[in-house]
Protein backbone atom coordinates (compact mmCIF):
# COMPACT_ATOMS: atom_id res chain seq x y z
CA MET A 1 -59.66 -8.31 -40.91
CA GLN A 2 -58.79 -9.57 -37.46
CA ASP A 3 -61.12 -8.98 -34.49
CA ALA A 4 -58.68 -6.48 -32.97
CA ASP A 5 -58.60 -4.49 -36.21
CA ALA A 6 -62.39 -4.56 -36.38
CA ALA A 7 -62.63 -3.32 -32.79
CA GLU A 8 -60.27 -0.43 -33.58
CA ARG A 9 -62.29 0.45 -36.66
CA VAL A 10 -65.55 0.35 -34.69
CA ALA A 11 -64.06 2.69 -32.08
CA ARG A 12 -62.88 5.09 -34.80
CA VAL A 13 -66.31 5.10 -36.49
CA GLU A 14 -68.03 5.74 -33.15
CA GLU A 15 -65.65 8.63 -32.54
CA LEU A 16 -66.43 10.11 -35.94
CA LEU A 17 -70.17 9.61 -35.48
CA GLY A 18 -70.03 11.61 -32.27
CA GLY A 19 -69.11 14.68 -34.31
CA ILE A 20 -72.01 14.63 -36.77
CA ASP A 21 -74.91 15.18 -34.36
CA ASP A 22 -75.14 18.82 -35.45
CA ASP A 23 -75.08 18.03 -39.18
CA PRO A 24 -78.51 16.72 -40.26
CA ARG A 25 -77.28 15.90 -43.77
CA ALA A 26 -74.36 13.80 -42.55
CA LEU A 27 -76.64 12.07 -40.05
CA ALA A 28 -79.14 11.26 -42.84
CA VAL A 29 -76.34 9.81 -44.99
CA VAL A 30 -75.16 7.55 -42.17
CA GLN A 31 -78.72 6.44 -41.38
CA GLY A 32 -79.30 5.67 -45.06
CA LEU A 33 -76.13 3.60 -45.27
CA VAL A 34 -77.03 1.68 -42.11
CA GLU A 35 -80.48 0.91 -43.55
CA LEU A 36 -78.96 -0.29 -46.84
CA TYR A 37 -76.42 -2.51 -45.11
CA GLY A 38 -79.15 -3.82 -42.82
CA GLU A 39 -81.26 -4.83 -45.79
CA GLY A 40 -78.21 -6.48 -47.37
CA LEU A 41 -77.50 -8.42 -44.18
CA ALA A 42 -81.14 -9.50 -43.96
CA ARG A 43 -80.92 -10.91 -47.48
CA ILE A 44 -77.59 -12.61 -46.77
CA THR A 45 -78.87 -14.29 -43.61
CA GLY A 46 -81.97 -15.39 -45.51
CA PHE A 47 -79.85 -16.95 -48.27
CA VAL A 48 -77.56 -18.63 -45.74
CA ALA A 49 -80.50 -20.04 -43.79
CA GLU A 50 -82.09 -21.40 -46.99
CA ALA A 51 -78.90 -22.79 -48.52
CA GLY A 52 -77.02 -24.00 -45.47
CA GLY A 53 -79.73 -24.34 -42.87
CA GLU A 54 -79.58 -23.39 -39.24
CA ALA A 55 -76.11 -24.91 -38.77
CA ALA A 56 -74.58 -22.52 -41.32
CA LEU A 57 -76.40 -19.57 -39.76
CA GLY A 58 -75.16 -20.70 -36.34
CA GLU A 59 -71.57 -20.66 -37.60
CA LEU A 60 -72.08 -17.15 -38.96
CA VAL A 61 -73.25 -15.79 -35.61
CA GLU A 62 -70.23 -17.30 -33.86
CA ASP A 63 -68.14 -14.54 -35.46
CA GLU A 64 -68.16 -11.63 -33.01
CA LEU A 65 -68.26 -8.87 -35.64
CA VAL A 66 -71.01 -10.56 -37.66
CA SER A 67 -72.98 -11.21 -34.49
CA HIS A 68 -72.79 -7.54 -33.50
CA LEU A 69 -73.82 -6.40 -36.98
CA LEU A 70 -76.82 -8.74 -36.85
CA LEU A 71 -77.74 -7.33 -33.44
CA LEU A 72 -77.39 -3.77 -34.73
CA HIS A 73 -79.90 -4.53 -37.47
CA ASP A 74 -82.19 -6.62 -35.24
CA LEU A 75 -81.44 -9.70 -37.35
CA HIS A 76 -79.76 -11.98 -34.82
CA PRO A 77 -81.38 -15.41 -35.17
CA ILE A 78 -80.84 -16.33 -31.51
CA ASP A 79 -83.03 -14.53 -28.97
CA ALA A 80 -81.46 -12.65 -26.07
CA GLU A 81 -82.64 -15.10 -23.41
CA THR A 82 -80.98 -18.04 -25.18
CA ARG A 83 -77.74 -16.07 -25.62
CA VAL A 84 -77.79 -15.12 -21.93
CA ALA A 85 -78.39 -18.75 -20.91
CA ARG A 86 -75.39 -19.80 -23.02
CA ALA A 87 -73.23 -17.09 -21.44
CA LEU A 88 -74.19 -18.31 -17.97
CA GLU A 89 -73.17 -21.85 -18.94
CA GLU A 90 -69.71 -20.45 -19.66
CA VAL A 91 -69.33 -18.84 -16.21
CA ARG A 92 -70.87 -21.69 -14.19
CA PRO A 93 -67.57 -23.60 -13.85
CA TYR A 94 -65.94 -20.49 -12.37
CA LEU A 95 -68.82 -19.94 -9.96
CA GLY A 96 -68.89 -23.63 -9.10
CA SER A 97 -65.22 -23.51 -8.19
CA HIS A 98 -66.24 -21.00 -5.51
CA GLY A 99 -69.21 -23.08 -4.35
CA GLY A 100 -71.77 -20.89 -6.06
CA GLY A 101 -74.11 -20.92 -8.97
CA VAL A 102 -76.44 -18.74 -10.99
CA GLU A 103 -79.95 -19.24 -12.31
CA LEU A 104 -81.53 -17.27 -15.14
CA LEU A 105 -84.96 -16.06 -14.05
CA GLY A 106 -85.65 -14.41 -17.38
CA VAL A 107 -85.00 -11.49 -19.68
CA GLU A 108 -87.59 -8.76 -19.49
CA ASP A 109 -87.64 -5.10 -20.53
CA GLY A 110 -83.97 -5.22 -21.51
CA ILE A 111 -82.85 -6.60 -18.12
CA ALA A 112 -81.48 -10.08 -17.45
CA ARG A 113 -82.76 -11.20 -14.06
CA LEU A 114 -80.62 -13.75 -12.24
CA ARG A 115 -80.49 -15.54 -8.90
CA LEU A 116 -77.18 -16.36 -7.25
CA ASN A 117 -77.18 -19.52 -5.19
CA GLY A 118 -74.89 -21.75 -3.18
CA THR A 119 -72.12 -20.23 -1.11
CA CYS A 120 -72.29 -17.01 -3.14
CA ASP A 121 -75.92 -16.39 -2.13
CA GLY A 122 -75.89 -13.56 0.40
CA CYS A 123 -72.10 -13.36 0.36
CA ALA A 124 -70.65 -9.88 0.57
CA SER A 125 -68.52 -10.68 -2.45
CA SER A 126 -71.48 -11.77 -4.60
CA ALA A 127 -71.95 -8.23 -5.92
CA ILE A 128 -68.37 -8.26 -7.16
CA THR A 129 -68.82 -11.76 -8.62
CA LEU A 130 -71.95 -10.60 -10.42
CA LYS A 131 -70.31 -7.44 -11.68
CA HIS A 132 -67.12 -8.94 -13.01
CA SER A 133 -67.82 -12.42 -14.26
CA ILE A 134 -71.54 -12.80 -14.78
CA GLU A 135 -72.45 -9.32 -15.97
CA GLU A 136 -69.51 -9.18 -18.36
CA ALA A 137 -70.42 -12.53 -19.92
CA VAL A 138 -74.12 -11.66 -20.18
CA LEU A 139 -73.58 -8.25 -21.76
CA ARG A 140 -71.00 -9.64 -24.17
CA ALA A 141 -73.56 -12.22 -25.33
CA ALA A 142 -76.48 -9.78 -25.40
CA PRO A 143 -75.13 -6.22 -25.72
CA GLU A 144 -78.59 -4.88 -26.48
CA LEU A 145 -79.61 -5.45 -22.85
CA HIS A 146 -79.64 -2.49 -20.48
CA GLY A 147 -78.32 -4.41 -17.52
CA VAL A 148 -78.23 -7.41 -15.22
CA GLU A 149 -80.06 -7.63 -11.89
CA ALA A 150 -79.73 -10.22 -9.16
CA ASP A 151 -82.84 -11.41 -7.33
CA ASP A 152 -82.71 -10.24 -3.72
CA SER A 153 -84.68 -13.15 -2.28
CA SER A 154 -82.02 -15.41 -0.87
CA SER A 155 -82.74 -18.93 0.22
CA GLU A 156 -82.47 -19.47 3.93
CA MET A 157 -79.01 -20.75 4.72
CA PRO A 158 -78.53 -23.19 7.62
CA GLN A 159 -76.78 -21.65 10.60
CA LEU A 160 -73.36 -23.10 11.32
CA LEU A 161 -72.07 -23.74 14.81
CA GLN A 162 -69.33 -21.21 15.51
CA ILE A 163 -66.77 -21.68 18.23
CA GLY A 164 -65.08 -18.46 19.25
CA THR A 165 -65.17 -15.18 17.39
CA LEU A 166 -64.24 -14.73 13.78
CA THR A 167 -61.68 -11.92 13.68
CA ALA A 168 -60.40 -12.18 10.12
CA ALA A 169 -61.70 -9.78 7.52
CA PRO A 170 -64.25 -11.31 5.14
CA GLY A 171 -62.57 -12.92 2.18
CA PRO A 172 -63.72 -13.87 -1.26
CA CYS A 173 -66.81 -15.96 -1.84
CA LEU A 174 -65.25 -19.39 -1.22
CA PRO A 175 -66.70 -22.61 0.15
CA GLY A 176 -66.58 -22.45 3.92
CA ALA A 177 -65.93 -18.68 4.01
CA ALA A 178 -68.15 -16.58 6.24
CA ALA A 179 -70.75 -14.60 4.33
């Protein structure tokens, strides 16, 4: 099954699950099946870890569907903070191309706390940068989190000598752009 097919099937199951809230018997059946599959996955990951070691388990969690199933059953071998740190490594080149960066302050109470730095720190576009690139990457890596928050304490930026008045509308968060 391809990832696109799996995503369609997940959406269909979620749609069907939305209709059983009023049927306690159907809800109990689904919960029972989820518990059985969870126990099966726990045994499988145990066997894989024993037989193939951490490398084999690491390959397993690279599969998006398997990774989500392990998260659903609280079996993912990589903690949320490590997965978030890896996701940030993936977006750093993009942020760096705009003169910015991001630092992981920690994951606490289901929230990833970050600090934007560089040109993006204090930039009007940093909220958009956070929302679209960073938050998407973080929540894809750790979907069990409730959200992503940026630290408000910005480092003091040196004042630049300005000659004349800036009349252009603020642009994207780029090196040399006014914040």
